[in-house]
Protein backbone atom coordinates (compact mmCIF):
# COMPACT_ATOMS: atom_id res chain seq x y z
CA MET A 1 18.02 190.97 182.98
CA ALA A 2 19.05 188.88 179.99
CA ASN A 3 21.14 190.21 177.13
CA TRP A 4 18.92 189.14 174.23
CA ASP A 5 21.58 189.97 171.63
CA SER A 6 23.16 186.58 172.32
CA CYS A 7 19.95 184.53 172.08
CA PRO A 8 19.68 182.76 168.69
CA ALA A 9 15.89 182.39 168.89
CA VAL A 10 15.07 186.10 168.88
CA GLU A 11 15.65 189.22 166.82
CA ARG A 12 14.86 192.90 166.92
CA HIS A 13 14.39 195.41 164.11
CA PRO A 14 13.77 199.08 164.89
CA ARG A 15 10.90 199.37 162.40
CA ARG A 16 9.20 196.07 163.25
CA VAL A 17 6.85 195.66 166.22
CA SER A 18 8.13 198.97 167.63
CA GLY A 19 11.63 197.53 168.02
CA ALA A 20 10.54 194.86 170.51
CA TRP A 21 12.40 191.57 170.76
CA VAL A 22 10.43 188.99 168.77
CA PHE A 23 10.81 185.30 168.06
CA LYS A 24 13.04 185.04 165.01
CA GLY A 25 11.08 184.95 161.76
CA THR A 26 7.85 186.11 163.41
CA ARG A 27 6.19 189.25 164.73
CA VAL A 28 5.46 187.59 168.10
CA PRO A 29 7.07 189.54 170.94
CA VAL A 30 9.13 187.57 173.44
CA ALA A 31 7.19 189.42 176.15
CA ALA A 32 4.03 187.62 174.95
CA LEU A 33 5.55 184.33 176.12
CA PHE A 34 6.20 185.60 179.63
CA GLU A 35 2.83 187.36 179.85
CA ASN A 36 0.99 184.20 178.82
CA LEU A 37 2.98 181.97 181.18
CA LYS A 38 2.32 184.43 184.02
CA ALA A 39 -1.41 184.26 183.22
CA GLY A 40 -1.31 180.47 183.58
CA ALA A 41 -0.93 179.32 179.99
CA SER A 42 1.17 176.28 179.21
CA ILE A 43 3.89 176.21 176.59
CA ASP A 44 1.67 173.98 174.45
CA GLU A 45 -1.14 176.53 174.63
CA PHE A 46 1.24 179.35 173.72
CA LEU A 47 2.46 177.37 170.70
CA GLU A 48 -1.12 176.71 169.64
CA TRP A 49 -2.05 180.41 169.91
CA PHE A 50 1.13 181.64 168.20
CA GLN A 51 1.61 179.02 165.50
CA GLY A 52 4.58 180.75 163.88
CA VAL A 53 6.69 180.14 166.99
CA GLU A 54 8.56 176.85 167.21
CA ARG A 55 9.05 174.92 170.45
CA TRP A 56 12.85 175.08 170.24
CA LYS A 57 12.63 178.88 170.19
CA VAL A 58 10.47 178.95 173.33
CA GLU A 59 12.82 176.54 175.09
CA THR A 60 15.84 178.57 173.99
CA VAL A 61 14.29 181.80 175.33
CA LEU A 62 13.45 180.18 178.66
CA ASP A 63 16.92 178.65 178.96
CA HIS A 64 18.49 182.00 178.06
CA GLU A 65 16.52 183.82 180.76
CA LEU A 66 17.30 181.12 183.32
CA ARG A 67 21.04 181.43 182.63
CA ALA A 68 20.80 185.22 183.02
CA LEU A 69 19.02 184.85 186.37
CA ARG A 70 21.64 182.39 187.60
CA GLU A 71 24.42 184.78 186.59
CA VAL A 72 22.82 187.59 188.59
CA ALA A 73 22.37 185.28 191.61
CA THR A 74 26.05 184.35 191.65
CA ARG A 75 27.34 187.93 191.62
């Protein structure tokens, strides 16, 4: 599981969106990205549906999660 504290594209505030990790500067939960990708959406579709999220933030989140998965695999 990724440590989201070190990801520059996300933030969390206890009183905002129930304390969920969201894309920085938005109220869009990071979980929404993974849920939509799992359901078959493309990144372009996600960006169209959640217009406040920028592509670099999506790419940063995906890269961050990939690094975390690789770290776990090498333990």
